[in-house]
């Protein structure tokens, strides 16, 4: 349940919260725990921000991570499969 609350908070307020909940309950998106488990160990770290967005008609998680190396990266993951789509280093 904590993951659902975190997902809802990250997805924004009001309608976004309900949208995130519906997508999770319908099985269209993975739970936050499952998404976090799919982040490769070399990219893992402290989650700074998490958003559930639409990209090209599909739900994606945009995750901003502070890595163990001190670098901030933006990871884009397919919300249905957890597949890592892209990694961007954020400018300091």
PDB file of N, CA and C in Angstrom:
ATOM      1  N   UNK A   1       0.811  -1.185   0.000  1.00  0.00           N
ATOM      2  CA  UNK A   1       0.000   0.000   0.000  1.00  0.00           C
ATOM      3  C   UNK A   1       0.859   1.256   0.000  1.00  0.00           C
ATOM      4  N   UNK A   2       2.026   1.199   0.658  1.00  0.00           N
ATOM      5  CA  UNK A   2       2.924   2.335   0.674  1.00  0.00           C
ATOM      6  C   UNK A   2       3.333   2.706  -0.748  1.00  0.00           C
ATOM      7  N   UNK A   3       3.592   1.717  -1.564  1.00  0.00           N
ATOM      8  CA  UNK A   3       4.008   1.978  -2.934  1.00  0.00           C
ATOM      9  C   UNK A   3       2.914   2.680  -3.709  1.00  0.00           C
ATOM     10  N   UNK A   4       1.675   2.281  -3.513  1.00  0.00           N
ATOM     11  CA  UNK A   4       0.567   2.921  -4.197  1.00  0.00           C
ATOM     12  C   UNK A   4       0.455   4.371  -3.757  1.00  0.00           C
ATOM     13  N   UNK A   5       0.639   4.638  -2.480  1.00  0.00           N
ATOM     14  CA  UNK A   5       0.589   6.014  -1.984  1.00  0.00           C
ATOM     15  C   UNK A   5       1.720   6.835  -2.587  1.00  0.00           C
ATOM     16  N   UNK A   6       2.912   6.253  -2.665  1.00  0.00           N
ATOM     17  CA  UNK A   6       4.049   6.961  -3.243  1.00  0.00           C
ATOM     18  C   UNK A   6       3.814   7.214  -4.723  1.00  0.00           C
ATOM     19  N   UNK A   7       3.291   6.228  -5.419  1.00  0.00           N
ATOM     20  CA  UNK A   7       2.981   6.381  -6.836  1.00  0.00           C
ATOM     21  C   UNK A   7       1.958   7.474  -7.034  1.00  0.00           C
ATOM     22  N   UNK A   8       0.925   7.470  -6.232  1.00  0.00           N
ATOM     23  CA  UNK A   8      -0.128   8.463  -6.352  1.00  0.00           C
ATOM     24  C   UNK A   8       0.419   9.859  -6.075  1.00  0.00           C
ATOM     25  N   UNK A   9       1.233   9.992  -5.043  1.00  0.00           N
ATOM     26  CA  UNK A   9       1.814  11.289  -4.714  1.00  0.00           C
ATOM     27  C   UNK A   9       2.713  11.763  -5.840  1.00  0.00           C
ATOM     28  N   UNK A  10       3.472  10.853  -6.398  1.00  0.00           N
ATOM     29  CA  UNK A  10       4.395  11.211  -7.460  1.00  0.00           C
ATOM     30  C   UNK A  10       3.663  11.564  -8.747  1.00  0.00           C
ATOM     31  N   UNK A  11       2.520  10.974  -8.956  1.00  0.00           N
ATOM     32  CA  UNK A  11       1.778  11.205 -10.186  1.00  0.00           C
ATOM     33  C   UNK A  11       1.071  12.546 -10.185  1.00  0.00           C
ATOM     34  N   UNK A  12       1.060  13.216  -9.047  1.00  0.00           N
ATOM     35  CA  UNK A  12       0.439  14.531  -8.991  1.00  0.00           C
ATOM     36  C   UNK A  12      -0.790  14.506  -8.136  1.00  0.00           C
ATOM     37  N   UNK A  13      -1.484  15.602  -8.118  1.00  0.00           N
ATOM     38  CA  UNK A  13      -2.655  15.718  -7.260  1.00  0.00           C
ATOM     39  C   UNK A  13      -3.936  15.383  -7.985  1.00  0.00           C
ATOM     40  N   UNK A  14      -4.997  15.285  -7.204  1.00  0.00           N
ATOM     41  CA  UNK A  14      -6.345  15.158  -7.729  1.00  0.00           C
ATOM     42  C   UNK A  14      -6.535  14.045  -8.722  1.00  0.00           C
ATOM     43  N   UNK A  15      -6.856  14.422  -9.972  1.00  0.00           N
ATOM     44  CA  UNK A  15      -7.165  13.457 -11.011  1.00  0.00           C
ATOM     45  C   UNK A  15      -6.015  12.533 -11.340  1.00  0.00           C
ATOM     46  N   UNK A  16      -4.777  13.022 -11.251  1.00  0.00           N
ATOM     47  CA  UNK A  16      -3.623  12.175 -11.537  1.00  0.00           C
ATOM     48  C   UNK A  16      -3.523  11.027 -10.535  1.00  0.00           C
ATOM     49  N   UNK A  17      -3.851  11.310  -9.298  1.00  0.00           N
ATOM     50  CA  UNK A  17      -3.825  10.281  -8.258  1.00  0.00           C
ATOM     51  C   UNK A  17      -4.798   9.166  -8.609  1.00  0.00           C
ATOM     52  N   UNK A  18      -5.990   9.529  -8.983  1.00  0.00           N
ATOM     53  CA  UNK A  18      -6.997   8.531  -9.354  1.00  0.00           C
ATOM     54  C   UNK A  18      -6.590   7.775 -10.612  1.00  0.00           C
ATOM     55  N   UNK A  19      -6.026   8.476 -11.570  1.00  0.00           N
ATOM     56  CA  UNK A  19      -5.581   7.832 -12.808  1.00  0.00           C
ATOM     57  C   UNK A  19      -4.506   6.794 -12.495  1.00  0.00           C
ATOM     58  N   UNK A  20      -3.544   7.156 -11.664  1.00  0.00           N
ATOM     59  CA  UNK A  20      -2.475   6.226 -11.296  1.00  0.00           C
ATOM     60  C   UNK A  20      -3.047   5.008 -10.591  1.00  0.00           C
ATOM     61  N   UNK A  21      -3.981   5.220  -9.692  1.00  0.00           N
ATOM     62  CA  UNK A  21      -4.597   4.115  -8.963  1.00  0.00           C
ATOM     63  C   UNK A  21      -5.339   3.184  -9.919  1.00  0.00           C
ATOM     64  N   UNK A  22      -6.119   3.755 -10.831  1.00  0.00           N
ATOM     65  CA  UNK A  22      -6.876   2.939 -11.794  1.00  0.00           C
ATOM     66  C   UNK A  22      -5.945   2.115 -12.686  1.00  0.00           C
ATOM     67  N   UNK A  23      -4.885   2.749 -13.176  1.00  0.00           N
ATOM     68  CA  UNK A  23      -3.934   2.032 -14.028  1.00  0.00           C
ATOM     69  C   UNK A  23      -3.271   0.886 -13.279  1.00  0.00           C
ATOM     70  N   UNK A  24      -2.912   1.129 -12.023  1.00  0.00           N
ATOM     71  CA  UNK A  24      -2.275   0.082 -11.201  1.00  0.00           C
ATOM     72  C   UNK A  24      -3.246  -1.052 -10.932  1.00  0.00           C
ATOM     73  N   UNK A  25      -4.467  -0.718 -10.529  1.00  0.00           N
ATOM     74  CA  UNK A  25      -5.460  -1.751 -10.210  1.00  0.00           C
ATOM     75  C   UNK A  25      -5.867  -2.560 -11.434  1.00  0.00           C
ATOM     76  N   UNK A  26      -5.857  -1.928 -12.600  1.00  0.00           N
ATOM     77  CA  UNK A  26      -6.234  -2.643 -13.826  1.00  0.00           C
ATOM     78  C   UNK A  26      -5.090  -3.499 -14.360  1.00  0.00           C
ATOM     79  N   UNK A  27      -3.901  -3.337 -13.778  1.00  0.00           N
ATOM     80  CA  UNK A  27      -2.755  -4.106 -14.236  1.00  0.00           C
ATOM     81  C   UNK A  27      -2.054  -3.501 -15.435  1.00  0.00           C
ATOM     82  N   UNK A  28      -2.433  -2.290 -15.838  1.00  0.00           N
ATOM     83  CA  UNK A  28      -1.792  -1.645 -16.996  1.00  0.00           C
ATOM     84  C   UNK A  28      -0.413  -1.115 -16.672  1.00  0.00           C
ATOM     85  N   UNK A  29      -0.159  -0.849 -15.380  1.00  0.00           N
ATOM     86  CA  UNK A  29       1.173  -0.419 -14.972  1.00  0.00           C
ATOM     87  C   UNK A  29       1.634  -1.282 -13.812  1.00  0.00           C
ATOM     88  N   UNK A  30       2.945  -1.444 -13.696  1.00  0.00           N
ATOM     89  CA  UNK A  30       3.521  -2.212 -12.601  1.00  0.00           C
ATOM     90  C   UNK A  30       3.511  -1.399 -11.315  1.00  0.00           C
ATOM     91  N   UNK A  31       3.578  -2.110 -10.209  1.00  0.00           N
ATOM     92  CA  UNK A  31       3.668  -1.440  -8.915  1.00  0.00           C
ATOM     93  C   UNK A  31       5.023  -0.748  -8.795  1.00  0.00           C
ATOM     94  N   UNK A  32       5.081   0.186  -7.886  1.00  0.00           N
ATOM     95  CA  UNK A  32       6.323   0.908  -7.652  1.00  0.00           C
ATOM     96  C   UNK A  32       7.444  -0.046  -7.248  1.00  0.00           C
ATOM     97  N   UNK A  33       7.138  -1.037  -6.408  1.00  0.00           N
ATOM     98  CA  UNK A  33       8.166  -2.002  -6.003  1.00  0.00           C
ATOM     99  C   UNK A  33       8.741  -2.740  -7.206  1.00  0.00           C
ATOM    100  N   UNK A  34       7.875  -3.147  -8.112  1.00  0.00           N
ATOM    101  CA  UNK A  34       8.344  -3.901  -9.283  1.00  0.00           C
ATOM    102  C   UNK A  34       9.163  -3.017 -10.215  1.00  0.00           C
ATOM    103  N   UNK A  35       8.760  -1.751 -10.347  1.00  0.00           N
ATOM    104  CA  UNK A  35       9.520  -0.822 -11.180  1.00  0.00           C
ATOM    105  C   UNK A  35      10.906  -0.598 -10.576  1.00  0.00           C
ATOM    106  N   UNK A  36      10.953  -0.348  -9.269  1.00  0.00           N
ATOM    107  CA  UNK A  36      12.240  -0.098  -8.610  1.00  0.00           C
ATOM    108  C   UNK A  36      13.161  -1.315  -8.717  1.00  0.00           C
ATOM    109  N   UNK A  37      12.590  -2.509  -8.683  1.00  0.00           N
ATOM    110  CA  UNK A  37      13.389  -3.734  -8.804  1.00  0.00           C
ATOM    111  C   UNK A  37      13.994  -3.878 -10.196  1.00  0.00           C
ATOM    112  N   UNK A  38      13.446  -3.192 -11.173  1.00  0.00           N
ATOM    113  CA  UNK A  38      13.947  -3.302 -12.543  1.00  0.00           C
ATOM    114  C   UNK A  38      15.014  -2.258 -12.883  1.00  0.00           C
ATOM    115  N   UNK A  39      15.283  -1.346 -11.957  1.00  0.00           N
ATOM    116  CA  UNK A  39      16.349  -0.379 -12.193  1.00  0.00           C
ATOM    117  C   UNK A  39      17.679  -1.108 -12.018  1.00  0.00           C
ATOM    118  N   UNK A  40      18.535  -1.068 -13.033  1.00  0.00           N
ATOM    119  CA  UNK A  40      19.823  -1.773 -12.926  1.00  0.00           C
ATOM    120  C   UNK A  40      20.609  -1.291 -11.708  1.00  0.00           C
ATOM    121  N   UNK A  41      21.307  -2.198 -11.028  1.00  0.00           N
ATOM    122  CA  UNK A  41      22.032  -1.839  -9.806  1.00  0.00           C
ATOM    123  C   UNK A  41      22.991  -0.663  -9.978  1.00  0.00           C
ATOM    124  N   UNK A  42      23.646  -0.558 -11.131  1.00  0.00           N
ATOM    125  CA  UNK A  42      24.597   0.546 -11.325  1.00  0.00           C
ATOM    126  C   UNK A  42      23.909   1.903 -11.476  1.00  0.00           C
ATOM    127  N   UNK A  43      22.583   1.912 -11.658  1.00  0.00           N
ATOM    128  CA  UNK A  43      21.825   3.161 -11.759  1.00  0.00           C
ATOM    129  C   UNK A  43      20.976   3.428 -10.520  1.00  0.00           C
ATOM    130  N   UNK A  44      20.944   2.482  -9.605  1.00  0.00           N
ATOM    131  CA  UNK A  44      20.101   2.618  -8.413  1.00  0.00           C
ATOM    132  C   UNK A  44      20.650   3.702  -7.492  1.00  0.00           C
ATOM    133  N   UNK A  45      19.783   4.184  -6.639  1.00  0.00           N
ATOM    134  CA  UNK A  45      20.158   5.211  -5.671  1.00  0.00           C
ATOM    135  C   UNK A  45      18.929   5.756  -4.994  1.00  0.00           C
ATOM    136  N   UNK A  46      19.042   6.964  -4.510  1.00  0.00           N
ATOM    137  CA  UNK A  46      17.940   7.618  -3.810  1.00  0.00           C
ATOM    138  C   UNK A  46      16.989   8.248  -4.830  1.00  0.00           C
ATOM    139  N   UNK A  47      15.709   7.911  -4.732  1.00  0.00           N
ATOM    140  CA  UNK A  47      14.701   8.459  -5.630  1.00  0.00           C
ATOM    141  C   UNK A  47      14.414   9.902  -5.222  1.00  0.00           C
ATOM    142  N   UNK A  48      14.617  10.827  -6.149  1.00  0.00           N
ATOM    143  CA  UNK A  48      14.354  12.235  -5.887  1.00  0.00           C
ATOM    144  C   UNK A  48      12.971  12.647  -6.367  1.00  0.00           C
ATOM    145  N   UNK A  49      12.560  12.057  -7.482  1.00  0.00           N
ATOM    146  CA  UNK A  49      11.264  12.401  -8.060  1.00  0.00           C
ATOM    147  C   UNK A  49      10.783  11.240  -8.910  1.00  0.00           C
ATOM    148  N   UNK A  50       9.469  11.060  -8.920  1.00  0.00           N
ATOM    149  CA  UNK A  50       8.865   9.994  -9.714  1.00  0.00           C
ATOM    150  C   UNK A  50       7.582  10.521 -10.314  1.00  0.00           C
ATOM    151  N   UNK A  51       7.438  10.337 -11.614  1.00  0.00           N
ATOM    152  CA  UNK A  51       6.225  10.770 -12.298  1.00  0.00           C
ATOM    153  C   UNK A  51       5.738   9.658 -13.210  1.00  0.00           C
ATOM    154  N   UNK A  52       4.425   9.531 -13.283  1.00  0.00           N
ATOM    155  CA  UNK A  52       3.796   8.635 -14.251  1.00  0.00           C
ATOM    156  C   UNK A  52       3.278   9.512 -15.369  1.00  0.00           C
ATOM    157  N   UNK A  53       3.804   9.294 -16.575  1.00  0.00           N
ATOM    158  CA  UNK A  53       3.462  10.142 -17.706  1.00  0.00           C
ATOM    159  C   UNK A  53       3.036   9.290 -18.891  1.00  0.00           C
ATOM    160  N   UNK A  54       2.534   9.955 -19.912  1.00  0.00           N
ATOM    161  CA  UNK A  54       2.222   9.297 -21.183  1.00  0.00           C
ATOM    162  C   UNK A  54       3.257   9.727 -22.197  1.00  0.00           C
ATOM    163  N   UNK A  55       3.796   8.763 -22.914  1.00  0.00           N
ATOM    164  CA  UNK A  55       4.724   9.060 -23.987  1.00  0.00           C
ATOM    165  C   UNK A  55       4.339   8.218 -25.185  1.00  0.00           C
ATOM    166  N   UNK A  56       3.995   8.878 -26.243  1.00  0.00           N
ATOM    167  CA  UNK A  56       3.561   8.192 -27.464  1.00  0.00           C
ATOM    168  C   UNK A  56       2.404   7.236 -27.182  1.00  0.00           C
ATOM    169  N   UNK A  57       1.487   7.645 -26.291  1.00  0.00           N
ATOM    170  CA  UNK A  57       0.300   6.856 -26.009  1.00  0.00           C
ATOM    171  C   UNK A  57       0.478   5.714 -25.037  1.00  0.00           C
ATOM    172  N   UNK A  58       1.648   5.605 -24.411  1.00  0.00           N
ATOM    173  CA  UNK A  58       1.850   4.533 -23.443  1.00  0.00           C
ATOM    174  C   UNK A  58       2.313   5.138 -22.114  1.00  0.00           C
ATOM    175  N   UNK A  59       1.943   4.494 -21.015  1.00  0.00           N
ATOM    176  CA  UNK A  59       2.367   5.010 -19.710  1.00  0.00           C
ATOM    177  C   UNK A  59       3.837   4.700 -19.457  1.00  0.00           C
ATOM    178  N   UNK A  60       4.562   5.705 -18.971  1.00  0.00           N
ATOM    179  CA  UNK A  60       5.968   5.552 -18.631  1.00  0.00           C
ATOM    180  C   UNK A  60       6.217   6.185 -17.268  1.00  0.00           C
ATOM    181  N   UNK A  61       7.189   5.619 -16.557  1.00  0.00           N
ATOM    182  CA  UNK A  61       7.645   6.217 -15.312  1.00  0.00           C
ATOM    183  C   UNK A  61       8.895   7.025 -15.619  1.00  0.00           C
ATOM    184  N   UNK A  62       8.899   8.269 -15.170  1.00  0.00           N
ATOM    185  CA  UNK A  62      10.098   9.096 -15.230  1.00  0.00           C
ATOM    186  C   UNK A  62      10.623   9.175 -13.803  1.00  0.00           C
ATOM    187  N   UNK A  63      11.819   8.651 -13.583  1.00  0.00           N
ATOM    188  CA  UNK A  63      12.381   8.538 -12.240  1.00  0.00           C
ATOM    189  C   UNK A  63      13.691   9.318 -12.193  1.00  0.00           C
ATOM    190  N   UNK A  64      13.762  10.278 -11.278  1.00  0.00           N
ATOM    191  CA  UNK A  64      15.005  11.022 -11.066  1.00  0.00           C
ATOM    192  C   UNK A  64      15.711  10.387  -9.878  1.00  0.00           C
ATOM    193  N   UNK A  65      16.958   9.965 -10.102  1.00  0.00           N
ATOM    194  CA  UNK A  65      17.706   9.196  -9.102  1.00  0.00           C
ATOM    195  C   UNK A  65      19.031   9.893  -8.794  1.00  0.00           C
ATOM    196  N   UNK A  66      19.330   9.993  -7.495  1.00  0.00           N
ATOM    197  CA  UNK A  66      20.653  10.421  -7.050  1.00  0.00           C
ATOM    198  C   UNK A  66      21.460   9.148  -6.841  1.00  0.00           C
ATOM    199  N   UNK A  67      22.415   8.911  -7.730  1.00  0.00           N
ATOM    200  CA  UNK A  67      23.196   7.679  -7.689  1.00  0.00           C
ATOM    201  C   UNK A  67      24.222   7.662  -6.572  1.00  0.00           C
ATOM    202  N   UNK A  68      24.721   6.484  -6.311  1.00  0.00           N
ATOM    203  CA  UNK A  68      25.757   6.315  -5.285  1.00  0.00           C
ATOM    204  C   UNK A  68      27.026   7.081  -5.637  1.00  0.00           C
ATOM    205  N   UNK A  69      27.187   7.403  -6.918  1.00  0.00           N
ATOM    206  CA  UNK A  69      28.344   8.168  -7.371  1.00  0.00           C
ATOM    207  C   UNK A  69      28.117   9.671  -7.272  1.00  0.00           C
ATOM    208  N   UNK A  70      26.955  10.090  -6.752  1.00  0.00           N
ATOM    209  CA  UNK A  70      26.648  11.508  -6.585  1.00  0.00           C
ATOM    210  C   UNK A  70      26.032  12.171  -7.798  1.00  0.00           C
ATOM    211  N   UNK A  71      25.855  11.422  -8.869  1.00  0.00           N
ATOM    212  CA  UNK A  71      25.264  11.982 -10.090  1.00  0.00           C
ATOM    213  C   UNK A  71      23.753  11.816 -10.071  1.00  0.00           C
ATOM    214  N   UNK A  72      23.063  12.813 -10.635  1.00  0.00           N
ATOM    215  CA  UNK A  72      21.613  12.748 -10.772  1.00  0.00           C
ATOM    216  C   UNK A  72      21.299  12.336 -12.200  1.00  0.00           C
ATOM    217  N   UNK A  73      20.450  11.319 -12.305  1.00  0.00           N
ATOM    218  CA  UNK A  73      20.056  10.811 -13.625  1.00  0.00           C
ATOM    219  C   UNK A  73      18.543  10.744 -13.722  1.00  0.00           C
ATOM    220  N   UNK A  74      18.054  10.938 -14.935  1.00  0.00           N
ATOM    221  CA  UNK A  74      16.633  10.759 -15.210  1.00  0.00           C
ATOM    222  C   UNK A  74      16.483   9.461 -15.993  1.00  0.00           C
ATOM    223  N   UNK A  75      15.730   8.525 -15.408  1.00  0.00           N
ATOM    224  CA  UNK A  75      15.482   7.238 -16.046  1.00  0.00           C
ATOM    225  C   UNK A  75      14.058   7.224 -16.563  1.00  0.00           C
ATOM    226  N   UNK A  76      13.873   6.699 -17.746  1.00  0.00           N
ATOM    227  CA  UNK A  76      12.543   6.523 -18.316  1.00  0.00           C
ATOM    228  C   UNK A  76      12.308   5.029 -18.443  1.00  0.00           C
ATOM    229  N   UNK A  77      11.230   4.546 -17.794  1.00  0.00           N
ATOM    230  CA  UNK A  77      10.912   3.108 -17.804  1.00  0.00           C
ATOM    231  C   UNK A  77       9.492   2.895 -18.314  1.00  0.00           C
ATOM    232  N   UNK A  78       9.338   1.874 -19.128  1.00  0.00           N
ATOM    233  CA  UNK A  78       8.006   1.485 -19.584  1.00  0.00           C
ATOM    234  C   UNK A  78       7.210   1.039 -18.356  1.00  0.00           C
ATOM    235  N   UNK A  79       6.077   1.676 -18.096  1.00  0.00           N
ATOM    236  CA  UNK A  79       5.312   1.398 -16.876  1.00  0.00           C
ATOM    237  C   UNK A  79       4.628   0.033 -16.912  1.00  0.00           C
ATOM    238  N   UNK A  80       4.419  -0.525 -18.082  1.00  0.00           N
ATOM    239  CA  UNK A  80       3.766  -1.829 -18.186  1.00  0.00           C
ATOM    240  C   UNK A  80       4.755  -2.988 -18.031  1.00  0.00           C
ATOM    241  N   UNK A  81       5.962  -2.829 -18.573  1.00  0.00           N
ATOM    242  CA  UNK A  81       6.930  -3.927 -18.551  1.00  0.00           C
ATOM    243  C   UNK A  81       8.096  -3.684 -17.596  1.00  0.00           C
ATOM    244  N   UNK A  82       8.353  -2.429 -17.268  1.00  0.00           N
ATOM    245  CA  UNK A  82       9.503  -2.087 -16.448  1.00  0.00           C
ATOM    246  C   UNK A  82      10.786  -1.955 -17.240  1.00  0.00           C
ATOM    247  N   UNK A  83      10.704  -2.096 -18.550  1.00  0.00           N
ATOM    248  CA  UNK A  83      11.894  -2.017 -19.409  1.00  0.00           C
ATOM    249  C   UNK A  83      12.478  -0.606 -19.367  1.00  0.00           C
ATOM    250  N   UNK A  84      13.787  -0.515 -19.184  1.00  0.00           N
ATOM    251  CA  UNK A  84      14.486   0.761 -19.181  1.00  0.00           C
ATOM    252  C   UNK A  84      14.535   1.293 -20.607  1.00  0.00           C
ATOM    253  N   UNK A  85      13.958   2.474 -20.811  1.00  0.00           N
ATOM    254  CA  UNK A  85      13.885   3.057 -22.148  1.00  0.00           C
ATOM    255  C   UNK A  85      15.021   4.037 -22.416  1.00  0.00           C
ATOM    256  N   UNK A  86      15.390   4.814 -21.402  1.00  0.00           N
ATOM    257  CA  UNK A  86      16.481   5.766 -21.593  1.00  0.00           C
ATOM    258  C   UNK A  86      17.038   6.226 -20.253  1.00  0.00           C
ATOM    259  N   UNK A  87      18.260   6.739 -20.312  1.00  0.00           N
ATOM    260  CA  UNK A  87      18.958   7.283 -19.142  1.00  0.00           C
ATOM    261  C   UNK A  87      19.577   8.600 -19.589  1.00  0.00           C
ATOM    262  N   UNK A  88      19.324   9.650 -18.813  1.00  0.00           N
ATOM    263  CA  UNK A  88      19.930  10.947 -19.084  1.00  0.00           C
ATOM    264  C   UNK A  88      20.626  11.439 -17.836  1.00  0.00           C
ATOM    265  N   UNK A  89      21.844  11.937 -17.976  1.00  0.00           N
ATOM    266  CA  UNK A  89      22.513  12.604 -16.859  1.00  0.00           C
ATOM    267  C   UNK A  89      21.934  14.008 -16.776  1.00  0.00           C
ATOM    268  N   UNK A  90      21.604  14.416 -15.555  1.00  0.00           N
ATOM    269  CA  UNK A  90      21.099  15.761 -15.314  1.00  0.00           C
ATOM    270  C   UNK A  90      22.285  16.694 -15.128  1.00  0.00           C
ATOM    271  N   UNK A  91      22.157  17.910 -15.584  1.00  0.00           N
ATOM    272  CA  UNK A  91      23.216  18.911 -15.410  1.00  0.00           C
ATOM    273  C   UNK A  91      23.258  19.347 -13.956  1.00  0.00           C
ATOM    274  N   UNK A  92      24.469  19.563 -13.425  1.00  0.00           N
ATOM    275  CA  UNK A  92      24.586  20.002 -12.015  1.00  0.00           C
ATOM    276  C   UNK A  92      24.033  21.400 -11.794  1.00  0.00           C
TER     277      UNK A  92
END
